[in-house]
Amino acid sequence: MPRTYKRKTNWGSTPLEALERAPNDVKAGKSIRSVAKERNIDRSTLRRYIKKREVKEVKAAGYSGTAEARRVFSEEMEKDLADHIKQLADQFHGLKPKKCRELSLELAIRNNIPIPSNWREKGLAGRKCKKQHNSVG
């Protein structure tokens, strides 16, 4: 006699459309509990979905608190440097990461920007700089 599976929970059975419409009701002023009851969604699931959605909206590209203090170039200077590296990369069929780091150090020295001591010792900008502009070159 074959066995037939009988589902014991209703986890994962909430349609995505219902979950996507529910946070709008919560933002309009209704409680999570009342919206969950209206739409027949588990309130924990709804709360988790709203929290995940807020994190995605709040999350922005940029520096975290500790990295901001160690930042060398302003946003505008970084953009200019990235554009310059892109132009050079197009002109010379790509640039090696080491050359990009040398250009970053040169920019900082020419503009009298305070830089970490190890940049001067090595004659290169730090590896973080390479990672930021890696997609450019």
N, C-alpha and C. Protein backbone atom coordinates (compact mmCIF):
# COMPACT_ATOMS: atom_id res chain seq x y z
N MET A 1 0.84 -1.16 0.00
CA MET A 1 0.00 0.00 0.00
C MET A 1 0.90 1.25 0.00
N PRO A 2 0.72 2.18 -0.97
CA PRO A 2 1.60 3.36 -1.04
C PRO A 2 1.28 4.36 0.07
N ARG A 3 2.32 5.03 0.46
CA ARG A 3 2.13 6.06 1.48
C ARG A 3 1.83 7.39 0.81
N THR A 4 0.99 8.16 1.41
CA THR A 4 0.69 9.50 0.89
C THR A 4 1.06 10.51 1.96
N TYR A 5 1.77 11.54 1.51
CA TYR A 5 2.23 12.57 2.43
C TYR A 5 1.09 13.49 2.80
N LYS A 6 0.96 13.74 4.09
CA LYS A 6 -0.07 14.65 4.56
C LYS A 6 0.65 15.83 5.22
N ARG A 7 0.48 17.01 4.64
CA ARG A 7 1.13 18.21 5.16
C ARG A 7 0.59 18.54 6.55
N LYS A 8 1.51 18.85 7.47
CA LYS A 8 1.11 19.09 8.85
C LYS A 8 1.10 20.58 9.22
N THR A 9 1.73 21.41 8.41
CA THR A 9 1.75 22.85 8.69
C THR A 9 1.31 23.62 7.46
N ASN A 10 1.10 24.90 7.63
CA ASN A 10 0.76 25.74 6.48
C ASN A 10 1.89 26.71 6.15
N TRP A 11 3.11 26.40 6.58
CA TRP A 11 4.26 27.24 6.30
C TRP A 11 4.48 27.32 4.79
N GLY A 12 4.82 28.51 4.31
CA GLY A 12 5.13 28.69 2.90
C GLY A 12 3.92 28.66 1.99
N SER A 13 2.73 28.64 2.55
CA SER A 13 1.54 28.56 1.71
C SER A 13 0.92 29.93 1.44
N THR A 14 1.49 30.99 2.01
CA THR A 14 0.96 32.34 1.81
C THR A 14 1.38 32.82 0.43
N PRO A 15 0.42 33.24 -0.40
CA PRO A 15 0.79 33.74 -1.73
C PRO A 15 1.60 35.04 -1.63
N LEU A 16 2.56 35.19 -2.51
CA LEU A 16 3.44 36.35 -2.49
C LEU A 16 2.67 37.65 -2.72
N GLU A 17 1.63 37.60 -3.54
CA GLU A 17 0.84 38.80 -3.80
C GLU A 17 0.21 39.34 -2.52
N ALA A 18 -0.27 38.44 -1.68
CA ALA A 18 -0.88 38.86 -0.41
C ALA A 18 0.17 39.49 0.50
N LEU A 19 1.36 38.90 0.51
CA LEU A 19 2.43 39.45 1.34
C LEU A 19 2.88 40.82 0.82
N GLU A 20 2.87 41.03 -0.47
CA GLU A 20 3.33 42.30 -1.01
C GLU A 20 2.32 43.43 -0.76
N ARG A 21 1.03 43.12 -0.70
CA ARG A 21 0.01 44.14 -0.46
C ARG A 21 -0.14 44.48 1.02
N ALA A 22 0.14 43.54 1.88
CA ALA A 22 -0.09 43.73 3.32
C ALA A 22 0.73 44.86 3.95
N PRO A 23 2.03 45.03 3.63
CA PRO A 23 2.78 46.13 4.27
C PRO A 23 2.21 47.51 3.99
N ASN A 24 1.55 47.69 2.86
CA ASN A 24 0.93 48.99 2.57
C ASN A 24 -0.18 49.30 3.57
N ASP A 25 -0.94 48.27 3.96
CA ASP A 25 -1.99 48.47 4.97
C ASP A 25 -1.39 48.81 6.32
N VAL A 26 -0.28 48.17 6.64
CA VAL A 26 0.38 48.44 7.93
C VAL A 26 0.91 49.87 7.94
N LYS A 27 1.49 50.31 6.82
CA LYS A 27 1.99 51.69 6.74
C LYS A 27 0.85 52.70 6.82
N ALA A 28 -0.33 52.30 6.36
CA ALA A 28 -1.49 53.20 6.41
C ALA A 28 -2.01 53.40 7.82
N GLY A 29 -1.54 52.60 8.77
CA GLY A 29 -1.93 52.81 10.16
C GLY A 29 -2.57 51.62 10.84
N LYS A 30 -2.83 50.56 10.11
CA LYS A 30 -3.42 49.38 10.74
C LYS A 30 -2.34 48.59 11.46
N SER A 31 -2.75 47.81 12.43
CA SER A 31 -1.78 47.01 13.16
C SER A 31 -1.43 45.76 12.36
N ILE A 32 -0.26 45.21 12.62
CA ILE A 32 0.19 44.00 11.94
C ILE A 32 -0.78 42.86 12.23
N ARG A 33 -1.22 42.80 13.46
CA ARG A 33 -2.13 41.71 13.86
C ARG A 33 -3.45 41.77 13.09
N SER A 34 -4.02 42.97 12.96
CA SER A 34 -5.31 43.07 12.26
C SER A 34 -5.16 42.80 10.76
N VAL A 35 -4.06 43.28 10.16
CA VAL A 35 -3.83 43.03 8.73
C VAL A 35 -3.61 41.55 8.50
N ALA A 36 -2.87 40.90 9.39
CA ALA A 36 -2.61 39.47 9.25
C ALA A 36 -3.91 38.68 9.35
N LYS A 37 -4.78 39.08 10.26
CA LYS A 37 -6.05 38.38 10.42
C LYS A 37 -6.95 38.59 9.19
N GLU A 38 -6.99 39.84 8.68
CA GLU A 38 -7.80 40.15 7.49
C GLU A 38 -7.39 39.33 6.28
N ARG A 39 -6.10 39.25 6.06
CA ARG A 39 -5.58 38.60 4.85
C ARG A 39 -5.24 37.13 5.05
N ASN A 40 -5.51 36.62 6.24
CA ASN A 40 -5.26 35.21 6.57
C ASN A 40 -3.78 34.85 6.37
N ILE A 41 -2.91 35.71 6.93
CA ILE A 41 -1.46 35.49 6.91
C ILE A 41 -1.01 35.35 8.35
N ASP A 42 -0.07 34.46 8.60
CA ASP A 42 0.48 34.33 9.94
C ASP A 42 1.16 35.65 10.31
N ARG A 43 0.90 36.15 11.51
CA ARG A 43 1.41 37.47 11.87
C ARG A 43 2.94 37.49 11.97
N SER A 44 3.55 36.38 12.38
CA SER A 44 5.01 36.32 12.43
C SER A 44 5.61 36.40 11.03
N THR A 45 4.97 35.75 10.09
CA THR A 45 5.42 35.79 8.71
C THR A 45 5.32 37.21 8.17
N LEU A 46 4.21 37.87 8.46
CA LEU A 46 4.02 39.24 8.00
C LEU A 46 5.05 40.17 8.63
N ARG A 47 5.28 40.04 9.92
CA ARG A 47 6.25 40.89 10.61
C ARG A 47 7.65 40.68 10.01
N ARG A 48 8.02 39.43 9.77
CA ARG A 48 9.33 39.10 9.20
C ARG A 48 9.46 39.70 7.79
N TYR A 49 8.40 39.60 7.00
CA TYR A 49 8.42 40.13 5.64
C TYR A 49 8.58 41.66 5.65
N ILE A 50 7.84 42.33 6.53
CA ILE A 50 7.93 43.79 6.63
C ILE A 50 9.32 44.21 7.07
N LYS A 51 9.87 43.51 8.03
CA LYS A 51 11.21 43.83 8.53
C LYS A 51 12.25 43.66 7.42
N LYS A 52 12.16 42.57 6.67
CA LYS A 52 13.09 42.31 5.59
C LYS A 52 12.98 43.38 4.51
N ARG A 53 11.75 43.79 4.22
CA ARG A 53 11.52 44.82 3.20
C ARG A 53 12.09 46.16 3.64
N GLU A 54 11.96 46.51 4.93
CA GLU A 54 12.50 47.77 5.44
C GLU A 54 14.02 47.78 5.36
N VAL A 55 14.64 46.65 5.68
CA VAL A 55 16.10 46.57 5.64
C VAL A 55 16.59 46.79 4.22
N LYS A 56 15.90 46.22 3.22
CA LYS A 56 16.31 46.41 1.83
C LYS A 56 16.16 47.86 1.40
N GLU A 57 15.13 48.54 1.88
CA GLU A 57 14.92 49.94 1.50
C GLU A 57 15.93 50.85 2.17
N VAL A 58 16.27 50.56 3.43
CA VAL A 58 17.18 51.41 4.18
C VAL A 58 18.62 51.20 3.74
N LYS A 59 18.96 49.97 3.40
CA LYS A 59 20.32 49.65 3.04
C LYS A 59 20.75 50.45 1.82
N ALA A 60 21.80 51.20 1.97
CA ALA A 60 22.30 52.01 0.86
C ALA A 60 23.78 51.75 0.68
N ALA A 61 24.24 51.90 -0.52
CA ALA A 61 25.66 51.73 -0.78
C ALA A 61 26.41 52.87 -0.12
N GLY A 62 27.56 52.58 0.40
CA GLY A 62 28.35 53.61 1.03
C GLY A 62 29.21 53.05 2.13
N TYR A 63 29.63 53.91 2.99
CA TYR A 63 30.54 53.52 4.05
C TYR A 63 29.80 53.33 5.36
N SER A 64 30.27 52.39 6.14
CA SER A 64 29.70 52.22 7.48
C SER A 64 30.37 53.22 8.42
N GLY A 65 29.98 53.25 9.65
CA GLY A 65 30.49 54.23 10.60
C GLY A 65 31.99 54.23 10.78
N THR A 66 32.61 53.07 10.90
CA THR A 66 34.06 53.04 11.11
C THR A 66 34.81 53.34 9.83
N ALA A 67 34.29 52.90 8.70
CA ALA A 67 34.99 53.14 7.44
C ALA A 67 34.94 54.62 7.07
N GLU A 68 33.90 55.32 7.48
CA GLU A 68 33.78 56.75 7.16
C GLU A 68 34.93 57.54 7.78
N ALA A 69 35.34 57.17 8.97
CA ALA A 69 36.42 57.88 9.64
C ALA A 69 37.76 57.64 8.96
N ARG A 70 37.93 56.50 8.31
CA ARG A 70 39.20 56.17 7.66
C ARG A 70 39.22 56.55 6.18
N ARG A 71 38.19 57.17 5.72
CA ARG A 71 38.05 57.51 4.32
C ARG A 71 39.07 58.58 3.91
N VAL A 72 39.66 58.42 2.75
CA VAL A 72 40.69 59.35 2.28
C VAL A 72 40.10 60.36 1.31
N PHE A 73 39.37 59.90 0.30
CA PHE A 73 38.82 60.78 -0.72
C PHE A 73 37.34 61.06 -0.46
N SER A 74 36.91 62.25 -0.88
CA SER A 74 35.47 62.56 -0.80
C SER A 74 34.76 61.81 -1.92
N GLU A 75 33.44 61.80 -1.87
CA GLU A 75 32.65 61.10 -2.90
C GLU A 75 32.94 61.67 -4.28
N GLU A 76 33.04 63.00 -4.35
CA GLU A 76 33.28 63.65 -5.64
C GLU A 76 34.66 63.28 -6.19
N MET A 77 35.66 63.29 -5.31
CA MET A 77 37.02 62.94 -5.76
C MET A 77 37.09 61.47 -6.19
N GLU A 78 36.39 60.60 -5.47
CA GLU A 78 36.37 59.19 -5.86
C GLU A 78 35.73 59.02 -7.23
N LYS A 79 34.66 59.76 -7.48
CA LYS A 79 34.00 59.67 -8.78
C LYS A 79 34.93 60.16 -9.88
N ASP A 80 35.62 61.29 -9.64
CA ASP A 80 36.58 61.80 -10.63
C ASP A 80 37.70 60.80 -10.88
N LEU A 81 38.20 60.21 -9.81
CA LEU A 81 39.27 59.21 -9.94
C LEU A 81 38.78 58.00 -10.73
N ALA A 82 37.57 57.55 -10.44
CA ALA A 82 37.02 56.40 -11.15
C ALA A 82 36.85 56.71 -12.64
N ASP A 83 36.39 57.94 -12.95
CA ASP A 83 36.25 58.33 -14.36
C ASP A 83 37.59 58.37 -15.05
N HIS A 84 38.61 58.91 -14.36
CA HIS A 84 39.96 59.00 -14.92
C HIS A 84 40.53 57.60 -15.17
N ILE A 85 40.33 56.71 -14.22
CA ILE A 85 40.82 55.34 -14.37
C ILE A 85 40.10 54.65 -15.53
N LYS A 86 38.83 54.91 -15.65
CA LYS A 86 38.07 54.31 -16.76
C LYS A 86 38.58 54.79 -18.10
N GLN A 87 38.87 56.11 -18.20
CA GLN A 87 39.42 56.64 -19.45
C GLN A 87 40.76 56.00 -19.78
N LEU A 88 41.62 55.89 -18.77
CA LEU A 88 42.93 55.26 -18.99
C LEU A 88 42.78 53.80 -19.37
N ALA A 89 41.85 53.13 -18.74
CA ALA A 89 41.63 51.71 -19.03
C ALA A 89 41.15 51.53 -20.47
N ASP A 90 40.28 52.42 -20.92
CA ASP A 90 39.81 52.35 -22.30
C ASP A 90 40.94 52.64 -23.28
N GLN A 91 41.79 53.59 -22.90
CA GLN A 91 42.88 54.01 -23.78
C GLN A 91 43.97 52.93 -23.88
N PHE A 92 44.28 52.29 -22.76
CA PHE A 92 45.38 51.32 -22.73
C PHE A 92 44.89 49.88 -22.63
N HIS A 93 43.65 49.63 -22.98
CA HIS A 93 43.09 48.27 -22.95
C HIS A 93 43.17 47.64 -21.57
N GLY A 94 42.81 48.42 -20.57
CA GLY A 94 42.76 47.92 -19.20
C GLY A 94 43.95 48.38 -18.38
N LEU A 95 43.77 48.44 -17.09
CA LEU A 95 44.84 48.80 -16.16
C LEU A 95 44.95 47.72 -15.10
N LYS A 96 46.15 47.50 -14.65
CA LYS A 96 46.35 46.54 -13.57
C LYS A 96 45.97 47.21 -12.26
N PRO A 97 45.52 46.42 -11.28
CA PRO A 97 45.12 47.00 -9.98
C PRO A 97 46.24 47.80 -9.32
N LYS A 98 47.48 47.37 -9.49
CA LYS A 98 48.60 48.08 -8.89
C LYS A 98 48.72 49.50 -9.46
N LYS A 99 48.51 49.64 -10.75
CA LYS A 99 48.58 50.96 -11.39
C LYS A 99 47.46 51.87 -10.88
N CYS A 100 46.27 51.30 -10.67
CA CYS A 100 45.15 52.07 -10.12
C CYS A 100 45.49 52.59 -8.73
N ARG A 101 46.14 51.75 -7.95
CA ARG A 101 46.52 52.15 -6.59
C ARG A 101 47.59 53.23 -6.62
N GLU A 102 48.51 53.16 -7.60
CA GLU A 102 49.53 54.20 -7.76
C GLU A 102 48.88 55.53 -8.13
N LEU A 103 47.90 55.49 -9.02
CA LEU A 103 47.19 56.70 -9.41
C LEU A 103 46.44 57.32 -8.24
N SER A 104 45.87 56.48 -7.39
CA SER A 104 45.16 56.98 -6.21
C SER A 104 46.11 57.69 -5.26
N LEU A 105 47.30 57.12 -5.06
CA LEU A 105 48.30 57.75 -4.20
C LEU A 105 48.75 59.07 -4.80
N GLU A 106 48.99 59.10 -6.11
CA GLU A 106 49.42 60.32 -6.79
C GLU A 106 48.38 61.43 -6.63
N LEU A 107 47.10 61.09 -6.77
CA LEU A 107 46.03 62.07 -6.60
C LEU A 107 46.03 62.64 -5.18
N ALA A 108 46.20 61.79 -4.20
CA ALA A 108 46.20 62.23 -2.81
C ALA A 108 47.38 63.15 -2.52
N ILE A 109 48.55 62.82 -3.04
CA ILE A 109 49.74 63.64 -2.79
C ILE A 109 49.61 65.00 -3.48
N ARG A 110 49.14 65.01 -4.73
CA ARG A 110 49.01 66.27 -5.47
C ARG A 110 48.00 67.21 -4.83
N ASN A 111 46.98 66.68 -4.19
CA ASN A 111 45.95 67.51 -3.57
C ASN A 111 46.17 67.71 -2.08
N ASN A 112 47.34 67.34 -1.58
CA ASN A 112 47.70 67.50 -0.15
C ASN A 112 46.64 66.90 0.77
N ILE A 113 46.20 65.71 0.45
CA ILE A 113 45.21 65.01 1.26
C ILE A 113 45.96 64.13 2.26
N PRO A 114 45.60 64.19 3.55
CA PRO A 114 46.28 63.32 4.52
C PRO A 114 46.02 61.85 4.19
N ILE A 115 47.09 61.08 4.15
CA ILE A 115 46.98 59.66 3.80
C ILE A 115 47.64 58.82 4.87
N PRO A 116 47.27 57.54 4.96
CA PRO A 116 47.91 56.64 5.93
C PRO A 116 49.40 56.49 5.63
N SER A 117 50.17 56.26 6.66
CA SER A 117 51.63 56.18 6.51
C SER A 117 52.05 55.01 5.62
N ASN A 118 51.31 53.91 5.65
CA ASN A 118 51.73 52.76 4.85
C ASN A 118 51.57 53.01 3.35
N TRP A 119 50.75 53.97 2.96
CA TRP A 119 50.63 54.33 1.54
C TRP A 119 51.96 54.89 1.05
N ARG A 120 52.58 55.77 1.87
CA ARG A 120 53.87 56.37 1.48
C ARG A 120 54.97 55.31 1.49
N GLU A 121 54.96 54.44 2.48
CA GLU A 121 55.99 53.39 2.58
C GLU A 121 55.96 52.47 1.37
N LYS A 122 54.77 52.05 0.97
CA LYS A 122 54.63 51.10 -0.13
C LYS A 122 54.60 51.78 -1.50
N GLY A 123 54.30 53.07 -1.51
CA GLY A 123 54.17 53.77 -2.78
C GLY A 123 52.88 53.44 -3.51
N LEU A 124 51.92 52.91 -2.77
CA LEU A 124 50.63 52.50 -3.33
C LEU A 124 49.52 52.86 -2.36
N ALA A 125 48.33 53.04 -2.90
CA ALA A 125 47.16 53.20 -2.04
C ALA A 125 46.80 51.83 -1.47
N GLY A 126 45.96 51.81 -0.45
CA GLY A 126 45.57 50.54 0.17
C GLY A 126 44.73 49.69 -0.75
N ARG A 127 44.54 48.45 -0.37
CA ARG A 127 43.77 47.51 -1.20
C ARG A 127 42.30 47.87 -1.26
N LYS A 128 41.77 48.56 -0.27
CA LYS A 128 40.37 48.97 -0.27
C LYS A 128 40.08 49.81 -1.51
N CYS A 129 41.00 50.65 -1.87
CA CYS A 129 40.83 51.53 -3.03
C CYS A 129 40.64 50.66 -4.27
N LYS A 130 41.44 49.61 -4.38
CA LYS A 130 41.35 48.73 -5.53
C LYS A 130 39.98 48.11 -5.63
N LYS A 131 39.44 47.66 -4.50
CA LYS A 131 38.15 47.00 -4.49
C LYS A 131 37.03 47.95 -4.87
N GLN A 132 37.15 49.23 -4.48
CA GLN A 132 36.09 50.18 -4.78
C GLN A 132 36.00 50.46 -6.26
N HIS A 133 37.12 50.49 -6.95
CA HIS A 133 37.13 50.86 -8.35
C HIS A 133 37.40 49.66 -9.26
N ASN A 134 37.30 48.47 -8.72
CA ASN A 134 37.60 47.28 -9.50
C ASN A 134 36.67 47.13 -10.69
N SER A 135 35.41 47.48 -10.51
CA SER A 135 34.44 47.32 -11.60
C SER A 135 34.66 48.36 -12.69
N VAL A 136 35.38 49.43 -12.36
CA VAL A 136 35.58 50.50 -13.33
C VAL A 136 36.61 50.10 -14.37
N GLY A 137 37.75 49.52 -13.90
CA GLY A 137 38.87 49.26 -14.79
C GLY A 137 38.93 47.92 -15.29
